[in-house]
Amino acid sequence: MKIFDTLNTAKASVTVIDVRAGLMSSALASLRDI
């Protein structure tokens, strides 16, 4: 929520997410689920 609920209100126009090793597939699955 801290990342994605603030996309439209953050001063920054670009959000970079550095995904730790072993979490890439599960992170993308989470993005699908939300």
PDB file of all heavy atoms in Angstrom:
ATOM      1  N   MET A   1       0.832  -1.204   0.000  1.00  0.00           N
ATOM      2  CA  MET A   1       0.000   0.000   0.000  1.00  0.00           C
ATOM      3  C   MET A   1       0.867   1.254   0.000  1.00  0.00           C
ATOM      4  O   MET A   1       0.555   2.253  -0.656  1.00  0.00           O
ATOM      5  CB  MET A   1      -0.929  -0.017   1.217  1.00  0.00           C
ATOM      6  CG  MET A   1      -2.013  -1.087   1.161  1.00  0.00           C
ATOM      7  SD  MET A   1      -2.854  -1.332   2.743  1.00  0.00           S
ATOM      8  CE  MET A   1      -3.667   0.263   2.919  1.00  0.00           C
ATOM      9  N   LYS A   2       1.973   1.194   0.739  1.00  0.00           N
ATOM     10  CA  LYS A   2       2.883   2.338   0.825  1.00  0.00           C
ATOM     11  C   LYS A   2       3.439   2.696  -0.555  1.00  0.00           C
ATOM     12  O   LYS A   2       3.643   3.869  -0.878  1.00  0.00           O
ATOM     13  CB  LYS A   2       4.035   1.992   1.780  1.00  0.00           C
ATOM     14  CG  LYS A   2       4.911   3.153   2.160  1.00  0.00           C
ATOM     15  CD  LYS A   2       6.012   2.712   3.119  1.00  0.00           C
ATOM     16  CE  LYS A   2       5.447   2.226   4.440  1.00  0.00           C
ATOM     17  NZ  LYS A   2       6.541   1.880   5.397  1.00  0.00           N
ATOM     18  N   ILE A   3       3.644   1.675  -1.368  1.00  0.00           N
ATOM     19  CA  ILE A   3       4.182   1.904  -2.718  1.00  0.00           C
ATOM     20  C   ILE A   3       3.086   2.322  -3.692  1.00  0.00           C
ATOM     21  O   ILE A   3       3.187   3.367  -4.354  1.00  0.00           O
ATOM     22  CB  ILE A   3       4.869   0.628  -3.254  1.00  0.00           C
ATOM     23  CG1 ILE A   3       6.020   0.196  -2.358  1.00  0.00           C
ATOM     24  CG2 ILE A   3       5.378   0.867  -4.683  1.00  0.00           C
ATOM     25  CD1 ILE A   3       6.569  -1.189  -2.696  1.00  0.00           C
ATOM     26  N   PHE A   4       2.041   1.526  -3.785  1.00  0.00           N
ATOM     27  CA  PHE A   4       1.096   1.661  -4.896  1.00  0.00           C
ATOM     28  C   PHE A   4      -0.077   2.590  -4.611  1.00  0.00           C
ATOM     29  O   PHE A   4      -0.649   3.156  -5.544  1.00  0.00           O
ATOM     30  CB  PHE A   4       0.617   0.277  -5.330  1.00  0.00           C
ATOM     31  CG  PHE A   4       1.737  -0.603  -5.806  1.00  0.00           C
ATOM     32  CD1 PHE A   4       2.196  -1.648  -5.018  1.00  0.00           C
ATOM     33  CD2 PHE A   4       2.368  -0.360  -7.007  1.00  0.00           C
ATOM     34  CE1 PHE A   4       3.252  -2.445  -5.439  1.00  0.00           C
ATOM     35  CE2 PHE A   4       3.429  -1.144  -7.441  1.00  0.00           C
ATOM     36  CZ  PHE A   4       3.872  -2.187  -6.653  1.00  0.00           C
ATOM     37  N   ASP A   5      -0.435   2.758  -3.346  1.00  0.00           N
ATOM     38  CA  ASP A   5      -1.518   3.692  -3.040  1.00  0.00           C
ATOM     39  C   ASP A   5      -1.082   5.146  -3.172  1.00  0.00           C
ATOM     40  O   ASP A   5      -1.924   6.046  -3.168  1.00  0.00           O
ATOM     41  CB  ASP A   5      -2.045   3.452  -1.615  1.00  0.00           C
ATOM     42  CG  ASP A   5      -2.921   2.206  -1.522  1.00  0.00           C
ATOM     43  OD1 ASP A   5      -3.093   1.541  -2.563  1.00  0.00           O
ATOM     44  OD2 ASP A   5      -3.412   1.893  -0.421  1.00  0.00           O
ATOM     45  N   THR A   6       0.222   5.353  -3.287  1.00  0.00           N
ATOM     46  CA  THR A   6       0.751   6.722  -3.351  1.00  0.00           C
ATOM     47  C   THR A   6       1.232   7.123  -4.746  1.00  0.00           C
ATOM     48  O   THR A   6       1.793   8.207  -4.919  1.00  0.00           O
ATOM     49  CB  THR A   6       1.925   6.883  -2.362  1.00  0.00           C
ATOM     50  OG1 THR A   6       2.946   5.917  -2.685  1.00  0.00           O
ATOM     51  CG2 THR A   6       1.470   6.655  -0.930  1.00  0.00           C
ATOM     52  N   LEU A   7       0.999   6.275  -5.728  1.00  0.00           N
ATOM     53  CA  LEU A   7       1.531   6.547  -7.076  1.00  0.00           C
ATOM     54  C   LEU A   7       1.025   7.879  -7.636  1.00  0.00           C
ATOM     55  O   LEU A   7       1.774   8.622  -8.286  1.00  0.00           O
ATOM     56  CB  LEU A   7       1.156   5.413  -8.038  1.00  0.00           C
ATOM     57  CG  LEU A   7       1.918   4.097  -7.869  1.00  0.00           C
ATOM     58  CD1 LEU A   7       1.397   3.061  -8.860  1.00  0.00           C
ATOM     59  CD2 LEU A   7       3.416   4.297  -8.057  1.00  0.00           C
ATOM     60  N   ASN A   8      -0.242   8.180  -7.403  1.00  0.00           N
ATOM     61  CA  ASN A   8      -0.819   9.401  -7.985  1.00  0.00           C
ATOM     62  C   ASN A   8      -0.611  10.641  -7.132  1.00  0.00           C
ATOM     63  O   ASN A   8      -0.871  11.757  -7.589  1.00  0.00           O
ATOM     64  CB  ASN A   8      -2.318   9.197  -8.230  1.00  0.00           C
ATOM     65  CG  ASN A   8      -2.589   8.254  -9.392  1.00  0.00           C
ATOM     66  OD1 ASN A   8      -2.081   8.441 -10.491  1.00  0.00           O
ATOM     67  ND2 ASN A   8      -3.370   7.214  -9.137  1.00  0.00           N
ATOM     68  N   THR A   9      -0.149  10.448  -5.902  1.00  0.00           N
ATOM     69  CA  THR A   9       0.033  11.602  -5.015  1.00  0.00           C
ATOM     70  C   THR A   9       1.496  11.921  -4.744  1.00  0.00           C
ATOM     71  O   THR A   9       1.805  12.996  -4.227  1.00  0.00           O
ATOM     72  CB  THR A   9      -0.668  11.352  -3.665  1.00  0.00           C
ATOM     73  OG1 THR A   9      -0.164  10.145  -3.074  1.00  0.00           O
ATOM     74  CG2 THR A   9      -2.176  11.226  -3.853  1.00  0.00           C
ATOM     75  N   ALA A  10       2.395  11.014  -5.088  1.00  0.00           N
ATOM     76  CA  ALA A  10       3.818  11.250  -4.838  1.00  0.00           C
ATOM     77  C   ALA A  10       4.340  12.380  -5.719  1.00  0.00           C
ATOM     78  O   ALA A  10       3.894  12.572  -6.855  1.00  0.00           O
ATOM     79  CB  ALA A  10       4.613   9.974  -5.106  1.00  0.00           C
ATOM     80  N   LYS A  11       5.297  13.124  -5.183  1.00  0.00           N
ATOM     81  CA  LYS A  11       5.920  14.199  -5.966  1.00  0.00           C
ATOM     82  C   LYS A  11       6.740  13.628  -7.117  1.00  0.00           C
ATOM     83  O   LYS A  11       6.884  14.259  -8.159  1.00  0.00           O
ATOM     84  CB  LYS A  11       6.801  15.058  -5.059  1.00  0.00           C
ATOM     85  CG  LYS A  11       6.029  15.861  -4.020  1.00  0.00           C
ATOM     86  CD  LYS A  11       6.969  16.691  -3.166  1.00  0.00           C
ATOM     87  CE  LYS A  11       6.186  17.497  -2.128  1.00  0.00           C
ATOM     88  NZ  LYS A  11       7.085  18.285  -1.251  1.00  0.00           N
ATOM     89  N   ALA A  12       7.285  12.451  -6.918  1.00  0.00           N
ATOM     90  CA  ALA A  12       8.075  11.802  -7.959  1.00  0.00           C
ATOM     91  C   ALA A  12       7.164  11.217  -9.025  1.00  0.00           C
ATOM     92  O   ALA A  12       6.129  10.622  -8.726  1.00  0.00           O
ATOM     93  CB  ALA A  12       8.938  10.703  -7.355  1.00  0.00           C
ATOM     94  N   SER A  13       7.531  11.402 -10.284  1.00  0.00           N
ATOM     95  CA  SER A  13       6.733  10.852 -11.383  1.00  0.00           C
ATOM     96  C   SER A  13       7.133   9.421 -11.718  1.00  0.00           C
ATOM     97  O   SER A  13       6.395   8.706 -12.401  1.00  0.00           O
ATOM     98  CB  SER A  13       6.881  11.729 -12.633  1.00  0.00           C
ATOM     99  OG  SER A  13       8.243  11.881 -12.992  1.00  0.00           O
ATOM    100  N   VAL A  14       8.312   8.996 -11.234  1.00  0.00           N
ATOM    101  CA  VAL A  14       8.798   7.643 -11.502  1.00  0.00           C
ATOM    102  C   VAL A  14       9.095   6.943 -10.184  1.00  0.00           C
ATOM    103  O   VAL A  14       9.713   7.525  -9.280  1.00  0.00           O
ATOM    104  CB  VAL A  14      10.075   7.663 -12.373  1.00  0.00           C
ATOM    105  CG1 VAL A  14      10.568   6.240 -12.624  1.00  0.00           C
ATOM    106  CG2 VAL A  14       9.817   8.371 -13.694  1.00  0.00           C
ATOM    107  N   THR A  15       8.652   5.696 -10.068  1.00  0.00           N
ATOM    108  CA  THR A  15       8.930   4.860  -8.906  1.00  0.00           C
ATOM    109  C   THR A  15       9.768   3.674  -9.355  1.00  0.00           C
ATOM    110  O   THR A  15       9.358   2.920 -10.239  1.00  0.00           O
ATOM    111  CB  THR A  15       7.623   4.348  -8.267  1.00  0.00           C
ATOM    112  OG1 THR A  15       6.863   5.461  -7.775  1.00  0.00           O
ATOM    113  CG2 THR A  15       7.913   3.391  -7.120  1.00  0.00           C
ATOM    114  N   VAL A  16      10.955   3.530  -8.780  1.00  0.00           N
ATOM    115  CA  VAL A  16      11.838   2.402  -9.086  1.00  0.00           C
ATOM    116  C   VAL A  16      11.786   1.428  -7.920  1.00  0.00           C
ATOM    117  O   VAL A  16      11.990   1.813  -6.761  1.00  0.00           O
ATOM    118  CB  VAL A  16      13.295   2.874  -9.314  1.00  0.00           C
ATOM    119  CG1 VAL A  16      14.224   1.669  -9.508  1.00  0.00           C
ATOM    120  CG2 VAL A  16      13.372   3.797 -10.521  1.00  0.00           C
ATOM    121  N   ILE A  17      11.492   0.161  -8.210  1.00  0.00           N
ATOM    122  CA  ILE A  17      11.435  -0.868  -7.175  1.00  0.00           C
ATOM    123  C   ILE A  17      12.558  -1.869  -7.419  1.00  0.00           C
ATOM    124  O   ILE A  17      12.582  -2.566  -8.438  1.00  0.00           O
ATOM    125  CB  ILE A  17      10.076  -1.600  -7.181  1.00  0.00           C
ATOM    126  CG1 ILE A  17       8.929  -0.600  -7.021  1.00  0.00           C
ATOM    127  CG2 ILE A  17      10.036  -2.636  -6.059  1.00  0.00           C
ATOM    128  CD1 ILE A  17       7.550  -1.233  -7.172  1.00  0.00           C
ATOM    129  N   ASP A  18      13.496  -1.906  -6.494  1.00  0.00           N
ATOM    130  CA  ASP A  18      14.626  -2.840  -6.577  1.00  0.00           C
ATOM    131  C   ASP A  18      14.223  -4.105  -5.826  1.00  0.00           C
ATOM    132  O   ASP A  18      14.157  -4.124  -4.598  1.00  0.00           O
ATOM    133  CB  ASP A  18      15.860  -2.187  -5.946  1.00  0.00           C
ATOM    134  CG  ASP A  18      17.100  -3.053  -6.057  1.00  0.00           C
ATOM    135  OD1 ASP A  18      17.134  -3.910  -6.955  1.00  0.00           O
ATOM    136  OD2 ASP A  18      18.033  -2.877  -5.241  1.00  0.00           O
ATOM    137  N   VAL A  19      13.907  -5.154  -6.584  1.00  0.00           N
ATOM    138  CA  VAL A  19      13.378  -6.392  -6.002  1.00  0.00           C
ATOM    139  C   VAL A  19      14.525  -7.321  -5.617  1.00  0.00           C
ATOM    140  O   VAL A  19      15.377  -7.640  -6.446  1.00  0.00           O
ATOM    141  CB  VAL A  19      12.436  -7.096  -6.997  1.00  0.00           C
ATOM    142  CG1 VAL A  19      11.912  -8.400  -6.401  1.00  0.00           C
ATOM    143  CG2 VAL A  19      11.273  -6.178  -7.370  1.00  0.00           C
ATOM    144  N   ARG A  20      14.523  -7.743  -4.363  1.00  0.00           N
ATOM    145  CA  ARG A  20      15.629  -8.580  -3.900  1.00  0.00           C
ATOM    146  C   ARG A  20      15.617  -9.950  -4.583  1.00  0.00           C
ATOM    147  O   ARG A  20      14.583 -10.401  -5.113  1.00  0.00           O
ATOM    148  CB  ARG A  20      15.575  -8.737  -2.388  1.00  0.00           C
ATOM    149  CG  ARG A  20      14.439  -9.575  -1.852  1.00  0.00           C
ATOM    150  CD  ARG A  20      14.627  -9.838  -0.353  1.00  0.00           C
ATOM    151  NE  ARG A  20      13.477 -10.471   0.253  1.00  0.00           N
ATOM    152  CZ  ARG A  20      13.201 -11.766   0.176  1.00  0.00           C
ATOM    153  NH1 ARG A  20      13.984 -12.553  -0.514  1.00  0.00           N
ATOM    154  NH2 ARG A  20      12.130 -12.260   0.784  1.00  0.00           N
ATOM    155  N   ALA A  21      16.774 -10.606  -4.545  1.00  0.00           N
ATOM    156  CA  ALA A  21      16.935 -11.908  -5.192  1.00  0.00           C
ATOM    157  C   ALA A  21      15.908 -12.906  -4.661  1.00  0.00           C
ATOM    158  O   ALA A  21      15.614 -12.941  -3.473  1.00  0.00           O
ATOM    159  CB  ALA A  21      18.344 -12.435  -4.940  1.00  0.00           C
ATOM    160  N   GLY A  22      15.349 -13.686  -5.575  1.00  0.00           N
ATOM    161  CA  GLY A  22      14.393 -14.714  -5.214  1.00  0.00           C
ATOM    162  C   GLY A  22      12.963 -14.244  -5.109  1.00  0.00           C
ATOM    163  O   GLY A  22      12.063 -15.054  -4.871  1.00  0.00           O
ATOM    164  N   LEU A  23      12.745 -12.942  -5.299  1.00  0.00           N
ATOM    165  CA  LEU A  23      11.410 -12.387  -5.083  1.00  0.00           C
ATOM    166  C   LEU A  23      10.752 -11.903  -6.374  1.00  0.00           C
ATOM    167  O   LEU A  23       9.608 -11.476  -6.360  1.00  0.00           O
ATOM    168  CB  LEU A  23      11.498 -11.227  -4.086  1.00  0.00           C
ATOM    169  CG  LEU A  23      10.212 -10.775  -3.399  1.00  0.00           C
ATOM    170  CD1 LEU A  23       9.631 -11.905  -2.562  1.00  0.00           C
ATOM    171  CD2 LEU A  23      10.472  -9.556  -2.518  1.00  0.00           C
ATOM    172  N   MET A  24      11.453 -12.005  -7.487  1.00  0.00           N
ATOM    173  CA  MET A  24      10.955 -11.429  -8.738  1.00  0.00           C
ATOM    174  C   MET A  24       9.597 -12.020  -9.143  1.00  0.00           C
ATOM    175  O   MET A  24       8.622 -11.293  -9.358  1.00  0.00           O
ATOM    176  CB  MET A  24      11.976 -11.654  -9.852  1.00  0.00           C
ATOM    177  CG  MET A  24      11.560 -11.127 -11.203  1.00  0.00           C
ATOM    178  SD  MET A  24      11.656  -9.330 -11.289  1.00  0.00           S
ATOM    179  CE  MET A  24      11.830  -9.116 -13.058  1.00  0.00           C
ATOM    180  N   SER A  25       9.514 -13.330  -9.247  1.00  0.00           N
ATOM    181  CA  SER A  25       8.273 -13.963  -9.702  1.00  0.00           C
ATOM    182  C   SER A  25       7.124 -13.706  -8.738  1.00  0.00           C
ATOM    183  O   SER A  25       6.005 -13.395  -9.148  1.00  0.00           O
ATOM    184  CB  SER A  25       8.477 -15.473  -9.879  1.00  0.00           C
ATOM    185  OG  SER A  25       9.436 -15.732 -10.881  1.00  0.00           O
ATOM    186  N   SER A  26       7.390 -13.830  -7.437  1.00  0.00           N
ATOM    187  CA  SER A  26       6.328 -13.617  -6.450  1.00  0.00           C
ATOM    188  C   SER A  26       5.903 -12.152  -6.408  1.00  0.00           C
ATOM    189  O   SER A  26       4.725 -11.845  -6.194  1.00  0.00           O
ATOM    190  CB  SER A  26       6.780 -14.083  -5.063  1.00  0.00           C
ATOM    191  OG  SER A  26       7.929 -13.387  -4.638  1.00  0.00           O
ATOM    192  N   ALA A  27       6.847 -11.236  -6.637  1.00  0.00           N
ATOM    193  CA  ALA A  27       6.499  -9.810  -6.669  1.00  0.00           C
ATOM    194  C   ALA A  27       5.575  -9.510  -7.837  1.00  0.00           C
ATOM    195  O   ALA A  27       4.585  -8.775  -7.702  1.00  0.00           O
ATOM    196  CB  ALA A  27       7.761  -8.956  -6.758  1.00  0.00           C
ATOM    197  N   LEU A  28       5.880 -10.079  -9.003  1.00  0.00           N
ATOM    198  CA  LEU A  28       5.034  -9.869 -10.176  1.00  0.00           C
ATOM    199  C   LEU A  28       3.657 -10.505  -9.970  1.00  0.00           C
ATOM    200  O   LEU A  28       2.639  -9.956 -10.402  1.00  0.00           O
ATOM    201  CB  LEU A  28       5.708 -10.438 -11.423  1.00  0.00           C
ATOM    202  CG  LEU A  28       6.968  -9.691 -11.882  1.00  0.00           C
ATOM    203  CD1 LEU A  28       7.652 -10.447 -13.013  1.00  0.00           C
ATOM    204  CD2 LEU A  28       6.634  -8.276 -12.324  1.00  0.00           C
ATOM    205  N   ALA A  29       3.638 -11.652  -9.296  1.00  0.00           N
ATOM    206  CA  ALA A  29       2.349 -12.289  -8.991  1.00  0.00           C
ATOM    207  C   ALA A  29       1.515 -11.392  -8.071  1.00  0.00           C
ATOM    208  O   ALA A  29       0.295 -11.282  -8.233  1.00  0.00           O
ATOM    209  CB  ALA A  29       2.578 -13.655  -8.345  1.00  0.00           C
ATOM    210  N   SER A  30       2.180 -10.739  -7.122  1.00  0.00           N
ATOM    211  CA  SER A  30       1.470  -9.808  -6.230  1.00  0.00           C
ATOM    212  C   SER A  30       0.901  -8.633  -7.015  1.00  0.00           C
ATOM    213  O   SER A  30      -0.228  -8.190  -6.763  1.00  0.00           O
ATOM    214  CB  SER A  30       2.413  -9.294  -5.141  1.00  0.00           C
ATOM    215  OG  SER A  30       2.826 -10.331  -4.285  1.00  0.00           O
ATOM    216  N   LEU A  31       1.672  -8.137  -7.978  1.00  0.00           N
ATOM    217  CA  LEU A  31       1.186  -7.030  -8.809  1.00  0.00           C
ATOM    218  C   LEU A  31      -0.038  -7.451  -9.621  1.00  0.00           C
ATOM    219  O   LEU A  31      -0.954  -6.658  -9.835  1.00  0.00           O
ATOM    220  CB  LEU A  31       2.295  -6.542  -9.740  1.00  0.00           C
ATOM    221  CG  LEU A  31       3.524  -5.916  -9.088  1.00  0.00           C
ATOM    222  CD1 LEU A  31       4.457  -5.360 -10.147  1.00  0.00           C
ATOM    223  CD2 LEU A  31       3.135  -4.822  -8.109  1.00  0.00           C
ATOM    224  N   ARG A  32      -0.048  -8.695 -10.034  1.00  0.00           N
ATOM    225  CA  ARG A  32      -1.235  -9.213 -10.733  1.00  0.00           C
ATOM    226  C   ARG A  32      -2.428  -9.276  -9.783  1.00  0.00           C
ATOM    227  O   ARG A  32      -3.537  -8.851 -10.125  1.00  0.00           O
ATOM    228  CB  ARG A  32      -0.922 -10.615 -11.279  1.00  0.00           C
ATOM    229  CG  ARG A  32      -2.115 -11.315 -11.932  1.00  0.00           C
ATOM    230  CD  ARG A  32      -1.862 -12.816 -12.020  1.00  0.00           C
ATOM    231  NE  ARG A  32      -1.670 -13.395 -10.696  1.00  0.00           N
ATOM    232  CZ  ARG A  32      -0.991 -14.524 -10.468  1.00  0.00           C
ATOM    233  NH1 ARG A  32      -0.446 -15.204 -11.452  1.00  0.00           N
ATOM    234  NH2 ARG A  32      -0.867 -14.993  -9.228  1.00  0.00           N
ATOM    235  N   ASP A  33      -2.191  -9.780  -8.578  1.00  0.00           N
ATOM    236  CA  ASP A  33      -3.280 -10.002  -7.626  1.00  0.00           C
ATOM    237  C   ASP A  33      -3.923  -8.693  -7.156  1.00  0.00           C
ATOM    238  O   ASP A  33      -5.127  -8.668  -6.851  1.00  0.00           O
ATOM    239  CB  ASP A  33      -2.771 -10.783  -6.413  1.00  0.00           C
ATOM    240  CG  ASP A  33      -2.347 -12.200  -6.780  1.00  0.00           C
ATOM    241  OD1 ASP A  33      -2.703 -12.664  -7.882  1.00  0.00           O
ATOM    242  OD2 ASP A  33      -1.638 -12.835  -5.967  1.00  0.00           O
ATOM    243  N   ILE A  34      -3.157  -7.609  -7.089  1.00  0.00           N
ATOM    244  CA  ILE A  34      -3.734  -6.341  -6.614  1.00  0.00           C
ATOM    245  C   ILE A  34      -4.331  -5.516  -7.758  1.00  0.00           C
ATOM    246  O   ILE A  34      -4.845  -4.420  -7.542  1.00  0.00           O
ATOM    247  CB  ILE A  34      -2.702  -5.491  -5.855  1.00  0.00           C
ATOM    248  CG1 ILE A  34      -1.575  -5.022  -6.798  1.00  0.00           C
ATOM    249  CG2 ILE A  34      -2.140  -6.247  -4.663  1.00  0.00           C
ATOM    250  CD1 ILE A  34      -0.595  -4.056  -6.133  1.00  0.00           C
TER     251      ILE A  34
END
